[in-house]
Amino acid sequence: MSITSTLIFQMIVFLILVWFTMKFIWPPITAALDERAKKIADGLSAADKAKAELSTANKRVEEQLAAARTDATQRLADAERLAQQMIEEAKGRASEEGAKIIAAAKAEAEQEATKARETLREQVAALAVKGAESILKREVNAGVHAELLGRLKAEL
């Protein structure tokens, strides 16, 4: 065999190999590569979409946290204001109760003082009557009168 026939025979085998590869091997490989490229593109687009959704979700979470913080701050302020109001009301009631107790104590003290004055007047009147009775039983004498008045002063 000559080199030319070998070369022609090898060229025919090569062309058959190329035809066989292009017909049976190349289409599944290109289909697999296309499918793989499509999956990668879909994965990248899904990742971008997930990033966008994550960003949106983070913004919503931040907004909700800000709203919750504002709400909590408002509620704390309301609670503090309500507590202050309750304290002021309690102080007002306590001062009113204190004023009532003081007024009652003053009234009671006044009644006791009035009773004491009445008792003292009765005792002074009884002593005056007793002294006058003693003076009138004895004879009228300046020395005796002075002595009786001194005893009367001592008893008062």
C-alpha atoms as a PDB file:
ATOM      1  CA  MET A   1       0.000   0.000   0.000  1.00  0.00           C
ATOM      2  CA  SER A   2       1.091   3.301  -0.839  1.00  0.00           C
ATOM      3  CA  ILE A   3       1.156   6.308   1.272  1.00  0.00           C
ATOM      4  CA  THR A   4      -1.531   7.921  -0.785  1.00  0.00           C
ATOM      5  CA  SER A   5      -3.947   5.085  -0.408  1.00  0.00           C
ATOM      6  CA  THR A   6      -3.212   4.947   3.298  1.00  0.00           C
ATOM      7  CA  LEU A   7      -3.758   8.616   3.533  1.00  0.00           C
ATOM      8  CA  ILE A   8      -7.007   8.385   1.586  1.00  0.00           C
ATOM      9  CA  PHE A   9      -8.130   5.412   3.671  1.00  0.00           C
ATOM     10  CA  GLN A  10      -7.300   7.308   6.893  1.00  0.00           C
ATOM     11  CA  MET A  11      -9.110  10.345   5.567  1.00  0.00           C
ATOM     12  CA  ILE A  12     -12.213   8.262   4.840  1.00  0.00           C
ATOM     13  CA  VAL A  13     -12.041   6.730   8.345  1.00  0.00           C
ATOM     14  CA  PHE A  14     -11.551  10.197   9.795  1.00  0.00           C
ATOM     15  CA  LEU A  15     -14.552  11.531   7.883  1.00  0.00           C
ATOM     16  CA  ILE A  16     -16.659   8.571   9.036  1.00  0.00           C
ATOM     17  CA  LEU A  17     -15.508   9.260  12.610  1.00  0.00           C
ATOM     18  CA  VAL A  18     -16.364  12.955  12.259  1.00  0.00           C
ATOM     19  CA  TRP A  19     -19.766  12.105  10.755  1.00  0.00           C
ATOM     20  CA  PHE A  20     -20.463   9.521  13.506  1.00  0.00           C
ATOM     21  CA  THR A  21     -19.356  11.986  16.212  1.00  0.00           C
ATOM     22  CA  MET A  22     -21.463  14.800  14.724  1.00  0.00           C
ATOM     23  CA  LYS A  23     -24.485  12.557  14.325  1.00  0.00           C
ATOM     24  CA  PHE A  24     -24.513  10.519  17.571  1.00  0.00           C
ATOM     25  CA  ILE A  25     -22.042  11.941  20.137  1.00  0.00           C
ATOM     26  CA  TRP A  26     -22.074  15.731  19.570  1.00  0.00           C
ATOM     27  CA  PRO A  27     -25.878  16.382  19.946  1.00  0.00           C
ATOM     28  CA  PRO A  28     -26.167  14.797  23.449  1.00  0.00           C
ATOM     29  CA  ILE A  29     -23.026  16.637  24.591  1.00  0.00           C
ATOM     30  CA  THR A  30     -24.307  19.997  23.288  1.00  0.00           C
ATOM     31  CA  ALA A  31     -27.750  19.284  24.750  1.00  0.00           C
ATOM     32  CA  ALA A  32     -26.157  18.476  28.127  1.00  0.00           C
ATOM     33  CA  LEU A  33     -24.021  21.625  27.933  1.00  0.00           C
ATOM     34  CA  ASP A  34     -27.034  23.732  26.961  1.00  0.00           C
ATOM     35  CA  GLU A  35     -29.064  22.206  29.773  1.00  0.00           C
ATOM     36  CA  ARG A  36     -26.228  22.822  32.211  1.00  0.00           C
ATOM     37  CA  ALA A  37     -25.909  26.448  31.029  1.00  0.00           C
ATOM     38  CA  LYS A  38     -29.654  26.894  31.394  1.00  0.00           C
ATOM     39  CA  LYS A  39     -29.559  25.458  34.936  1.00  0.00           C
ATOM     40  CA  ILE A  40     -26.689  27.764  35.862  1.00  0.00           C
ATOM     41  CA  ALA A  41     -28.530  30.777  34.405  1.00  0.00           C
ATOM     42  CA  ASP A  42     -31.699  29.785  36.260  1.00  0.00           C
ATOM     43  CA  GLY A  43     -29.702  29.346  39.474  1.00  0.00           C
ATOM     44  CA  LEU A  44     -28.080  32.761  39.066  1.00  0.00           C
ATOM     45  CA  SER A  45     -31.431  34.389  38.346  1.00  0.00           C
ATOM     46  CA  ALA A  46     -32.966  32.620  41.356  1.00  0.00           C
ATOM     47  CA  ALA A  47     -30.035  33.811  43.494  1.00  0.00           C
ATOM     48  CA  ASP A  48     -30.545  37.403  42.294  1.00  0.00           C
ATOM     49  CA  LYS A  49     -34.251  37.105  42.922  1.00  0.00           C
ATOM     50  CA  ALA A  50     -33.578  35.678  46.418  1.00  0.00           C
ATOM     51  CA  LYS A  51     -31.157  38.543  47.126  1.00  0.00           C
ATOM     52  CA  ALA A  52     -33.814  41.053  46.091  1.00  0.00           C
ATOM     53  CA  GLU A  53     -36.426  39.292  48.236  1.00  0.00           C
ATOM     54  CA  LEU A  54     -33.983  39.167  51.157  1.00  0.00           C
ATOM     55  CA  SER A  55     -33.312  42.879  50.785  1.00  0.00           C
ATOM     56  CA  THR A  56     -37.048  43.583  50.693  1.00  0.00           C
ATOM     57  CA  ALA A  57     -37.631  41.326  53.680  1.00  0.00           C
ATOM     58  CA  ASN A  58     -34.826  43.053  55.598  1.00  0.00           C
ATOM     59  CA  LYS A  59     -36.373  46.447  54.849  1.00  0.00           C
ATOM     60  CA  ARG A  60     -39.780  45.210  56.034  1.00  0.00           C
ATOM     61  CA  VAL A  61     -38.221  43.773  59.180  1.00  0.00           C
ATOM     62  CA  GLU A  62     -36.421  47.062  59.879  1.00  0.00           C
ATOM     63  CA  GLU A  63     -39.655  48.990  59.346  1.00  0.00           C
ATOM     64  CA  GLN A  64     -41.530  46.634  61.655  1.00  0.00           C
ATOM     65  CA  LEU A  65     -38.768  46.885  64.268  1.00  0.00           C
ATOM     66  CA  ALA A  66     -38.860  50.679  64.052  1.00  0.00           C
ATOM     67  CA  ALA A  67     -42.642  50.608  64.398  1.00  0.00           C
ATOM     68  CA  ALA A  68     -42.373  48.217  67.350  1.00  0.00           C
ATOM     69  CA  ARG A  69     -39.758  50.432  69.013  1.00  0.00           C
ATOM     70  CA  THR A  70     -41.935  53.495  68.470  1.00  0.00           C
ATOM     71  CA  ASP A  71     -44.950  51.642  69.818  1.00  0.00           C
ATOM     72  CA  ALA A  72     -42.998  50.413  72.837  1.00  0.00           C
ATOM     73  CA  THR A  73     -41.673  53.907  73.518  1.00  0.00           C
ATOM     74  CA  GLN A  74     -45.187  55.323  73.242  1.00  0.00           C
ATOM     75  CA  ARG A  75     -46.561  52.662  75.559  1.00  0.00           C
ATOM     76  CA  LEU A  76     -43.805  53.319  78.106  1.00  0.00           C
ATOM     77  CA  ALA A  77     -44.511  57.049  77.959  1.00  0.00           C
ATOM     78  CA  ASP A  78     -48.233  56.382  78.400  1.00  0.00           C
ATOM     79  CA  ALA A  79     -47.539  54.048  81.316  1.00  0.00           C
ATOM     80  CA  GLU A  80     -45.253  56.605  82.978  1.00  0.00           C
ATOM     81  CA  ARG A  81     -47.835  59.351  82.458  1.00  0.00           C
ATOM     82  CA  LEU A  82     -50.567  57.112  83.876  1.00  0.00           C
ATOM     83  CA  ALA A  83     -48.347  56.231  86.855  1.00  0.00           C
ATOM     84  CA  GLN A  84     -47.648  59.917  87.494  1.00  0.00           C
ATOM     85  CA  GLN A  85     -51.359  60.669  87.261  1.00  0.00           C
ATOM     86  CA  MET A  86     -52.161  57.847  89.679  1.00  0.00           C
ATOM     87  CA  ILE A  87     -49.468  59.097  92.075  1.00  0.00           C
ATOM     88  CA  GLU A  88     -50.860  62.630  91.898  1.00  0.00           C
ATOM     89  CA  GLU A  89     -54.387  61.348  92.499  1.00  0.00           C
ATOM     90  CA  ALA A  90     -53.162  59.289  95.458  1.00  0.00           C
ATOM     91  CA  LYS A  91     -51.334  62.331  96.850  1.00  0.00           C
ATOM     92  CA  GLY A  92     -54.494  64.412  96.436  1.00  0.00           C
ATOM     93  CA  ARG A  93     -56.614  61.789  98.181  1.00  0.00           C
ATOM     94  CA  ALA A  94     -54.012  61.456 100.929  1.00  0.00           C
ATOM     95  CA  SER A  95     -53.898  65.211 101.486  1.00  0.00           C
ATOM     96  CA  GLU A  96     -57.709  65.320 101.525  1.00  0.00           C
ATOM     97  CA  GLU A  97     -57.753  62.474 104.056  1.00  0.00           C
ATOM     98  CA  GLY A  98     -55.062  64.249 106.070  1.00  0.00           C
ATOM     99  CA  ALA A  99     -57.088  67.467 106.017  1.00  0.00           C
ATOM    100  CA  LYS A 100     -60.196  65.545 107.117  1.00  0.00           C
ATOM    101  CA  ILE A 101     -58.262  63.858 109.936  1.00  0.00           C
ATOM    102  CA  ILE A 102     -56.751  67.187 111.017  1.00  0.00           C
ATOM    103  CA  ALA A 103     -60.171  68.846 110.915  1.00  0.00           C
ATOM    104  CA  ALA A 104     -61.664  65.982 112.924  1.00  0.00           C
ATOM    105  CA  ALA A 105     -58.800  66.192 115.435  1.00  0.00           C
ATOM    106  CA  LYS A 106     -59.221  69.965 115.726  1.00  0.00           C
ATOM    107  CA  ALA A 107     -62.966  69.567 116.202  1.00  0.00           C
ATOM    108  CA  GLU A 108     -62.378  66.879 118.815  1.00  0.00           C
ATOM    109  CA  ALA A 109     -59.765  69.033 120.562  1.00  0.00           C
ATOM    110  CA  GLU A 110     -62.171  71.960 120.501  1.00  0.00           C
ATOM    111  CA  GLN A 111     -64.917  69.779 121.975  1.00  0.00           C
ATOM    112  CA  GLU A 112     -62.534  68.554 124.660  1.00  0.00           C
ATOM    113  CA  ALA A 113     -61.479  72.130 125.400  1.00  0.00           C
ATOM    114  CA  THR A 114     -65.131  73.187 125.572  1.00  0.00           C
ATOM    115  CA  LYS A 115     -65.898  70.284 127.911  1.00  0.00           C
ATOM    116  CA  ALA A 116     -62.880  71.181 130.031  1.00  0.00           C
ATOM    117  CA  ARG A 117     -63.999  74.831 130.186  1.00  0.00           C
ATOM    118  CA  GLU A 118     -67.514  73.764 131.125  1.00  0.00           C
ATOM    119  CA  THR A 119     -66.160  71.458 133.803  1.00  0.00           C
ATOM    120  CA  LEU A 120     -63.835  74.212 135.038  1.00  0.00           C
ATOM    121  CA  ARG A 121     -66.702  76.711 135.096  1.00  0.00           C
ATOM    122  CA  GLU A 122     -68.816  74.274 137.043  1.00  0.00           C
ATOM    123  CA  GLN A 123     -65.975  73.671 139.475  1.00  0.00           C
ATOM    124  CA  VAL A 124     -65.256  77.424 139.768  1.00  0.00           C
ATOM    125  CA  ALA A 125     -68.957  78.095 140.308  1.00  0.00           C
ATOM    126  CA  ALA A 126     -69.142  75.337 142.920  1.00  0.00           C
ATOM    127  CA  LEU A 127     -66.053  76.721 144.643  1.00  0.00           C
ATOM    128  CA  ALA A 128     -67.425  80.254 144.452  1.00  0.00           C
ATOM    129  CA  VAL A 129     -70.673  79.090 145.954  1.00  0.00           C
ATOM    130  CA  LYS A 130     -68.792  77.111 148.575  1.00  0.00           C
ATOM    131  CA  GLY A 131     -66.561  80.096 149.348  1.00  0.00           C
ATOM    132  CA  ALA A 132     -69.512  82.459 149.527  1.00  0.00           C
ATOM    133  CA  GLU A 133     -71.305  79.994 151.724  1.00  0.00           C
ATOM    134  CA  SER A 134     -68.289  79.810 154.022  1.00  0.00           C
ATOM    135  CA  ILE A 135     -67.991  83.597 154.090  1.00  0.00           C
ATOM    136  CA  LEU A 136     -71.660  84.028 154.838  1.00  0.00           C
ATOM    137  CA  LYS A 137     -71.645  81.419 157.610  1.00  0.00           C
ATOM    138  CA  ARG A 138     -68.980  83.273 159.471  1.00  0.00           C
ATOM    139  CA  GLU A 139     -69.199  86.766 160.577  1.00  0.00           C
ATOM    140  CA  VAL A 140     -68.033  89.531 158.401  1.00  0.00           C
ATOM    141  CA  ASN A 141     -64.399  90.114 159.184  1.00  0.00           C
ATOM    142  CA  ALA A 142     -61.713  91.477 156.793  1.00  0.00           C
ATOM    143  CA  GLY A 143     -59.018  89.092 158.021  1.00  0.00           C
ATOM    144  CA  VAL A 144     -61.264  86.079 157.697  1.00  0.00           C
ATOM    145  CA  HIS A 145     -62.372  87.227 154.251  1.00  0.00           C
ATOM    146  CA  ALA A 146     -58.755  87.580 153.125  1.00  0.00           C
ATOM    147  CA  GLU A 147     -57.915  84.150 154.479  1.00  0.00           C
ATOM    148  CA  LEU A 148     -60.941  82.566 152.749  1.00  0.00           C
ATOM    149  CA  LEU A 149     -60.091  84.306 149.460  1.00  0.00           C
ATOM    150  CA  GLY A 150     -56.496  83.052 149.740  1.00  0.00           C
ATOM    151  CA  ARG A 151     -57.734  79.471 150.210  1.00  0.00           C
ATOM    152  CA  LEU A 152     -60.123  79.959 147.278  1.00  0.00           C
ATOM    153  CA  LYS A 153     -57.218  81.150 145.094  1.00  0.00           C
ATOM    154  CA  ALA A 154     -55.158  78.146 146.138  1.00  0.00           C
ATOM    155  CA  GLU A 155     -57.993  75.770 145.208  1.00  0.00           C
ATOM    156  CA  LEU A 156     -58.396  77.351 141.770  1.00  0.00           C
END
